[in-house]
Protein backbone atom coordinates (compact mmCIF):
# COMPACT_ATOMS: atom_id res chain seq x y z
CA UNK A 1 -18.82 -32.51 10.45
CA UNK A 2 -16.34 -29.94 9.07
CA UNK A 3 -17.58 -26.62 8.25
CA UNK A 4 -16.16 -24.84 5.19
CA UNK A 5 -14.83 -21.19 5.92
CA UNK A 6 -15.56 -19.04 3.06
CA UNK A 7 -12.92 -16.79 1.74
CA UNK A 8 -14.30 -13.66 3.34
CA UNK A 9 -14.42 -15.29 6.84
CA UNK A 10 -11.16 -16.44 6.54
CA UNK A 11 -9.75 -13.25 5.02
CA UNK A 12 -11.55 -10.82 7.83
CA UNK A 13 -14.19 -12.84 9.73
CA UNK A 14 -11.95 -12.65 12.71
CA UNK A 15 -12.18 -8.67 12.71
CA UNK A 16 -15.28 -8.09 10.82
CA UNK A 17 -17.61 -10.93 11.20
CA UNK A 18 -20.82 -8.65 10.03
CA UNK A 19 -18.73 -7.75 7.07
CA UNK A 20 -18.11 -11.62 6.14
CA UNK A 21 -21.48 -12.04 6.89
CA UNK A 22 -22.71 -9.41 4.30
CA UNK A 23 -19.96 -10.83 1.96
CA UNK A 24 -21.17 -14.35 1.79
CA UNK A 25 -24.84 -13.92 2.03
CA UNK A 26 -25.87 -10.48 0.35
CA UNK A 27 -22.88 -9.96 -1.91
CA UNK A 28 -22.01 -13.33 -3.15
CA UNK A 29 -25.32 -15.07 -2.35
CA UNK A 30 -27.78 -12.26 -3.42
CA UNK A 31 -25.80 -9.81 -5.84
CA UNK A 32 -23.88 -12.32 -7.93
CA UNK A 33 -26.88 -14.47 -8.41
CA UNK A 34 -29.39 -11.96 -9.66
CA UNK A 35 -30.98 -12.36 -12.89
CA UNK A 36 -29.76 -10.31 -15.71
CA UNK A 37 -26.43 -10.73 -16.21
CA UNK A 38 -24.24 -14.07 -16.49
CA UNK A 39 -21.61 -14.56 -13.68
CA UNK A 40 -18.93 -14.00 -16.65
CA UNK A 41 -20.71 -10.88 -17.32
CA UNK A 42 -20.21 -9.80 -13.81
CA UNK A 43 -16.62 -11.14 -13.71
CA UNK A 44 -15.82 -8.86 -16.40
CA UNK A 45 -17.36 -5.97 -14.98
CA UNK A 46 -16.01 -6.32 -11.53
CA UNK A 47 -12.39 -6.72 -12.74
CA UNK A 48 -12.69 -3.56 -15.16
CA UNK A 49 -14.08 -1.86 -12.08
CA UNK A 50 -11.27 -3.00 -9.35
CA UNK A 51 -8.55 -2.17 -12.32
CA UNK A 52 -9.94 1.33 -12.82
CA UNK A 53 -10.28 2.00 -9.16
CA UNK A 54 -6.84 0.79 -8.12
CA UNK A 55 -8.40 -1.82 -5.88
CA UNK A 56 -5.50 -4.06 -6.11
CA UNK A 57 -5.95 -5.97 -2.95
CA UNK A 58 -9.36 -7.35 -4.06
CA UNK A 59 -8.14 -7.83 -7.90
CA UNK A 60 -6.06 -11.51 -7.67
CA UNK A 61 -9.26 -13.04 -6.14
CA UNK A 62 -11.67 -11.54 -8.53
CA UNK A 63 -9.40 -12.30 -11.61
CA UNK A 64 -9.44 -16.06 -10.54
CA UNK A 65 -13.23 -16.10 -10.03
CA UNK A 66 -13.46 -14.39 -13.75
CA UNK A 67 -11.34 -17.57 -15.04
CA UNK A 68 -13.41 -20.01 -12.81
CA UNK A 69 -16.55 -18.11 -14.93
CA UNK A 70 -15.16 -18.52 -18.10
CA UNK A 71 -13.21 -15.38 -19.01
CA UNK A 72 -10.29 -16.29 -20.73
CA UNK A 73 -6.69 -15.04 -19.66
CA UNK A 74 -6.75 -13.57 -23.22
CA UNK A 75 -9.72 -11.51 -22.35
CA UNK A 76 -8.41 -10.43 -18.95
CA UNK A 77 -5.02 -9.02 -20.99
CA UNK A 78 -7.29 -7.50 -23.44
CA UNK A 79 -9.25 -5.87 -20.79
CA UNK A 80 -6.42 -4.35 -18.94
CA UNK A 81 -4.80 -3.22 -22.31
CA UNK A 82 -8.36 -1.31 -22.98
CA UNK A 83 -8.60 0.31 -19.72
CA UNK A 84 -5.06 1.86 -20.05
CA UNK A 85 -6.61 4.44 -22.42
CA UNK A 86 -9.60 4.85 -20.19
CA UNK A 87 -8.15 4.58 -16.78
CA UNK A 88 -4.83 5.27 -17.30
CA UNK A 89 -1.42 3.56 -18.00
CA UNK A 90 -0.28 3.43 -14.59
CA UNK A 91 -3.45 1.91 -13.45
CA UNK A 92 -3.24 -0.86 -16.15
CA UNK A 93 0.46 -1.42 -15.81
CA UNK A 94 -0.25 -1.91 -12.03
CA UNK A 95 -2.77 -5.02 -12.44
CA UNK A 96 -0.68 -7.10 -14.51
CA UNK A 97 1.17 -8.47 -11.56
CA UNK A 98 -2.10 -9.30 -10.15
CA UNK A 99 -3.04 -10.91 -13.18
CA UNK A 100 0.29 -12.76 -13.31
CA UNK A 101 -0.28 -13.88 -9.95
CA UNK A 102 -3.78 -14.99 -10.45
CA UNK A 103 -2.97 -16.73 -13.59
CA UNK A 104 0.08 -18.78 -11.72
CA UNK A 105 -2.49 -19.52 -8.88
CA UNK A 106 -4.78 -21.07 -11.44
CA UNK A 107 -2.10 -23.00 -13.46
CA UNK A 108 -1.32 -26.90 -12.78
CA UNK A 109 1.70 -27.39 -10.69
CA UNK A 110 4.48 -28.30 -12.53
CA UNK A 111 3.45 -26.61 -15.72
């Protein structure tokens, strides 16, 4: 039987296994599944916060998650454009390569 390794466990479980457990069980197991907001809404909020706070290490993962949760590429582009006026032009401009990378990761090969 093969055990599936979570993204958190693969990214930092060797250094901080407790943080990986909290990520898997509390953040993505509880917080993301709470009633009141859809996963799509949570993704939009998370991407907006990450862009605004210059958290670009986590941004590609969460843009891919947003796409999986039904946020469109056009909506992500609009979100980044809107944030240019509230979080700063450099912040928004710096998010573009992360969005591009996430879009490429989600594109079928050869297209």
